[in-house]
Amino acid sequence: MVSAALYPFALLVQCDTHGARLEVFGEMLEEEEARLRAKLALQSLFSSASAPGGEATEEAEVEGTEDADGKKSDDAGGSESA
């Protein structure tokens, strides 16, 4: 998976001209924008499905959860103060 993430950058290095690098970079930006749009769509889909009445709440949009002491823990299991 790491090699797939590095491949576009390897293409940038291999380009012979500035114009070719700009074209590859533009494609990289378009792919990243599409990825982020899909991520946002999935997050909004699942946050709206988990809220009562099907509406997203502000708490559902925030990543992680808070315990009774007000400490926020992320998905990785770590915790930080709120």
N, C-alpha and C. Protein backbone atom coordinates (compact mmCIF):
# COMPACT_ATOMS: atom_id res chain seq x y z
N MET A 1 0.82 -1.19 0.00
CA MET A 1 0.00 0.00 0.00
C MET A 1 0.87 1.26 0.00
N VAL A 2 1.99 1.20 0.69
CA VAL A 2 2.88 2.36 0.74
C VAL A 2 3.43 2.67 -0.64
N SER A 3 3.78 1.63 -1.41
CA SER A 3 4.32 1.87 -2.74
C SER A 3 3.29 2.55 -3.64
N ALA A 4 2.01 2.23 -3.46
CA ALA A 4 0.95 2.87 -4.25
C ALA A 4 0.85 4.35 -3.90
N ALA A 5 1.09 4.69 -2.65
CA ALA A 5 1.02 6.09 -2.22
C ALA A 5 2.23 6.87 -2.73
N LEU A 6 3.37 6.22 -2.88
CA LEU A 6 4.59 6.89 -3.34
C LEU A 6 4.71 6.95 -4.85
N TYR A 7 3.96 6.13 -5.56
CA TYR A 7 4.08 6.05 -7.01
C TYR A 7 3.87 7.39 -7.71
N PRO A 8 2.84 8.17 -7.38
CA PRO A 8 2.68 9.46 -8.06
C PRO A 8 3.87 10.39 -7.86
N PHE A 9 4.49 10.34 -6.70
CA PHE A 9 5.65 11.19 -6.45
C PHE A 9 6.85 10.72 -7.26
N ALA A 10 6.96 9.41 -7.47
CA ALA A 10 8.01 8.89 -8.32
C ALA A 10 7.81 9.36 -9.76
N LEU A 11 6.55 9.46 -10.19
CA LEU A 11 6.26 9.97 -11.53
C LEU A 11 6.71 11.42 -11.67
N LEU A 12 6.51 12.20 -10.60
CA LEU A 12 6.95 13.60 -10.65
C LEU A 12 8.45 13.70 -10.89
N VAL A 13 9.21 12.86 -10.23
CA VAL A 13 10.66 12.89 -10.35
C VAL A 13 11.10 12.46 -11.76
N GLN A 14 10.33 11.56 -12.34
CA GLN A 14 10.70 11.01 -13.64
C GLN A 14 10.30 11.91 -14.81
N CYS A 15 9.48 12.92 -14.58
CA CYS A 15 9.04 13.80 -15.66
C CYS A 15 10.23 14.62 -16.18
N ASP A 16 10.26 14.78 -17.50
CA ASP A 16 11.37 15.50 -18.14
C ASP A 16 11.17 17.01 -18.15
N THR A 17 9.92 17.47 -18.16
CA THR A 17 9.66 18.91 -18.28
C THR A 17 8.79 19.39 -17.13
N HIS A 18 8.85 20.68 -16.92
CA HIS A 18 8.03 21.32 -15.89
C HIS A 18 6.54 21.13 -16.21
N GLY A 19 6.19 21.26 -17.47
CA GLY A 19 4.80 21.09 -17.89
C GLY A 19 4.28 19.70 -17.58
N ALA A 20 5.12 18.69 -17.81
CA ALA A 20 4.73 17.32 -17.51
C ALA A 20 4.54 17.13 -16.00
N ARG A 21 5.42 17.73 -15.21
CA ARG A 21 5.28 17.65 -13.74
C ARG A 21 3.98 18.33 -13.29
N LEU A 22 3.65 19.47 -13.89
CA LEU A 22 2.40 20.15 -13.54
C LEU A 22 1.19 19.29 -13.88
N GLU A 23 1.25 18.61 -15.00
CA GLU A 23 0.14 17.74 -15.40
C GLU A 23 -0.04 16.59 -14.41
N VAL A 24 1.06 15.95 -14.04
CA VAL A 24 1.00 14.84 -13.07
C VAL A 24 0.52 15.36 -11.72
N PHE A 25 1.03 16.51 -11.31
CA PHE A 25 0.62 17.09 -10.02
C PHE A 25 -0.86 17.44 -10.03
N GLY A 26 -1.35 17.98 -11.13
CA GLY A 26 -2.77 18.30 -11.25
C GLY A 26 -3.63 17.05 -11.12
N GLU A 27 -3.19 15.96 -11.73
CA GLU A 27 -3.92 14.70 -11.60
C GLU A 27 -3.91 14.20 -10.16
N MET A 28 -2.77 14.38 -9.49
CA MET A 28 -2.68 13.98 -8.08
C MET A 28 -3.67 14.78 -7.24
N LEU A 29 -3.77 16.08 -7.51
CA LEU A 29 -4.70 16.93 -6.76
C LEU A 29 -6.15 16.51 -7.01
N GLU A 30 -6.48 16.21 -8.26
CA GLU A 30 -7.84 15.78 -8.58
C GLU A 30 -8.19 14.48 -7.87
N GLU A 31 -7.25 13.53 -7.84
CA GLU A 31 -7.49 12.26 -7.15
C GLU A 31 -7.66 12.47 -5.66
N GLU A 32 -6.84 13.34 -5.07
CA GLU A 32 -6.95 13.61 -3.64
C GLU A 32 -8.27 14.31 -3.32
N GLU A 33 -8.68 15.23 -4.17
CA GLU A 33 -9.96 15.92 -3.97
C GLU A 33 -11.11 14.92 -4.02
N ALA A 34 -11.07 14.00 -4.98
CA ALA A 34 -12.12 12.98 -5.08
C ALA A 34 -12.11 12.08 -3.84
N ARG A 35 -10.92 11.73 -3.36
CA ARG A 35 -10.82 10.89 -2.17
C ARG A 35 -11.41 11.59 -0.95
N LEU A 36 -11.08 12.88 -0.80
CA LEU A 36 -11.59 13.63 0.34
C LEU A 36 -13.10 13.85 0.25
N ARG A 37 -13.62 14.07 -0.95
CA ARG A 37 -15.07 14.20 -1.13
C ARG A 37 -15.78 12.90 -0.76
N ALA A 38 -15.22 11.77 -1.16
CA ALA A 38 -15.81 10.48 -0.82
C ALA A 38 -15.77 10.26 0.69
N LYS A 39 -14.66 10.62 1.31
CA LYS A 39 -14.53 10.47 2.77
C LYS A 39 -15.57 11.32 3.48
N LEU A 40 -15.73 12.56 3.05
CA LEU A 40 -16.71 13.45 3.65
C LEU A 40 -18.13 12.93 3.46
N ALA A 41 -18.41 12.41 2.28
CA ALA A 41 -19.75 11.86 2.00
C ALA A 41 -20.04 10.67 2.91
N LEU A 42 -19.05 9.79 3.08
CA LEU A 42 -19.24 8.64 3.97
C LEU A 42 -19.41 9.07 5.42
N GLN A 43 -18.61 10.05 5.85
CA GLN A 43 -18.73 10.53 7.23
C GLN A 43 -20.11 11.14 7.46
N SER A 44 -20.59 11.94 6.53
CA SER A 44 -21.90 12.56 6.71
C SER A 44 -23.01 11.52 6.64
N LEU A 45 -22.83 10.50 5.81
CA LEU A 45 -23.82 9.43 5.70
C LEU A 45 -23.95 8.69 7.01
N PHE A 46 -22.82 8.31 7.59
CA PHE A 46 -22.87 7.53 8.82
C PHE A 46 -23.19 8.39 10.04
N SER A 47 -22.78 9.65 10.05
CA SER A 47 -23.12 10.49 11.20
C SER A 47 -24.60 10.83 11.18
N SER A 48 -25.20 11.01 10.01
CA SER A 48 -26.63 11.31 9.96
C SER A 48 -27.45 10.07 10.26
N ALA A 49 -26.92 8.89 9.96
CA ALA A 49 -27.64 7.66 10.25
C ALA A 49 -27.63 7.36 11.75
N SER A 50 -26.60 7.82 12.47
CA SER A 50 -26.51 7.52 13.89
C SER A 50 -27.25 8.52 14.77
N ALA A 51 -27.62 9.68 14.22
CA ALA A 51 -28.31 10.70 15.00
C ALA A 51 -29.80 10.38 15.05
N PRO A 52 -30.48 10.73 16.17
CA PRO A 52 -31.92 10.52 16.26
C PRO A 52 -32.64 11.33 15.18
N GLY A 53 -33.58 10.70 14.54
CA GLY A 53 -34.34 11.40 13.51
C GLY A 53 -33.59 11.52 12.20
N GLY A 54 -32.42 10.92 12.10
CA GLY A 54 -31.66 10.94 10.87
C GLY A 54 -30.91 12.24 10.60
N GLU A 55 -30.90 13.16 11.57
CA GLU A 55 -30.18 14.42 11.38
C GLU A 55 -28.84 14.36 12.08
N ALA A 56 -27.83 14.91 11.44
CA ALA A 56 -26.49 14.94 12.02
C ALA A 56 -26.45 15.95 13.16
N THR A 57 -25.76 15.58 14.21
CA THR A 57 -25.57 16.51 15.32
C THR A 57 -24.13 16.97 15.32
N GLU A 58 -23.86 18.05 16.01
CA GLU A 58 -22.48 18.56 16.07
C GLU A 58 -21.56 17.53 16.71
N GLU A 59 -22.06 16.81 17.72
CA GLU A 59 -21.25 15.82 18.40
C GLU A 59 -20.92 14.66 17.47
N ALA A 60 -21.82 14.30 16.57
CA ALA A 60 -21.59 13.19 15.66
C ALA A 60 -20.54 13.54 14.61
N GLU A 61 -20.37 14.83 14.34
CA GLU A 61 -19.40 15.25 13.34
C GLU A 61 -17.99 15.32 13.87
N VAL A 62 -17.83 15.32 15.21
CA VAL A 62 -16.52 15.41 15.83
C VAL A 62 -15.95 14.01 15.96
N GLU A 63 -14.69 13.85 15.56
CA GLU A 63 -14.05 12.55 15.62
C GLU A 63 -13.66 12.25 17.05
N GLY A 64 -13.91 11.03 17.49
CA GLY A 64 -13.55 10.62 18.84
C GLY A 64 -14.73 10.72 19.79
N THR A 65 -14.49 10.32 21.04
CA THR A 65 -15.54 10.35 22.05
C THR A 65 -14.99 10.95 23.32
N GLU A 66 -15.88 11.38 24.18
CA GLU A 66 -15.48 11.91 25.49
C GLU A 66 -15.94 10.95 26.57
N ASP A 67 -15.11 10.77 27.60
CA ASP A 67 -15.53 9.95 28.72
C ASP A 67 -16.18 10.83 29.78
N ALA A 68 -16.54 10.26 30.91
CA ALA A 68 -17.24 10.99 31.96
C ALA A 68 -16.40 12.12 32.54
N ASP A 69 -15.07 12.02 32.48
CA ASP A 69 -14.18 13.05 33.01
C ASP A 69 -13.97 14.20 32.04
N GLY A 70 -14.55 14.11 30.84
CA GLY A 70 -14.37 15.17 29.85
C GLY A 70 -13.13 15.00 29.01
N LYS A 71 -12.46 13.85 29.14
CA LYS A 71 -11.27 13.61 28.33
C LYS A 71 -11.70 13.03 26.99
N LYS A 72 -11.10 13.56 25.95
CA LYS A 72 -11.45 13.11 24.61
C LYS A 72 -10.48 12.03 24.18
N SER A 73 -11.01 10.91 23.70
CA SER A 73 -10.15 9.84 23.21
C SER A 73 -10.39 9.67 21.72
N ASP A 74 -9.30 9.48 20.96
CA ASP A 74 -9.44 9.33 19.52
C ASP A 74 -9.66 7.86 19.19
N ASP A 75 -9.78 7.58 17.89
CA ASP A 75 -10.05 6.23 17.45
C ASP A 75 -8.90 5.27 17.74
N ALA A 76 -7.67 5.79 17.89
CA ALA A 76 -6.51 4.95 18.11
C ALA A 76 -6.40 4.49 19.56
N GLY A 77 -7.27 4.99 20.43
CA GLY A 77 -7.26 4.54 21.81
C GLY A 77 -6.52 5.48 22.74
N GLY A 78 -5.83 6.47 22.23
CA GLY A 78 -5.15 7.44 23.07
C GLY A 78 -6.14 8.42 23.65
N SER A 79 -5.69 9.22 24.60
CA SER A 79 -6.60 10.22 25.15
C SER A 79 -5.85 11.52 25.33
N GLU A 80 -6.61 12.60 25.26
CA GLU A 80 -6.07 13.92 25.47
C GLU A 80 -7.12 14.74 26.20
N SER A 81 -6.71 15.75 26.91
CA SER A 81 -7.68 16.55 27.66
C SER A 81 -8.45 17.44 26.72
N ALA A 82 -9.71 17.70 27.08
CA ALA A 82 -10.59 18.49 26.22
C ALA A 82 -10.37 19.95 26.34
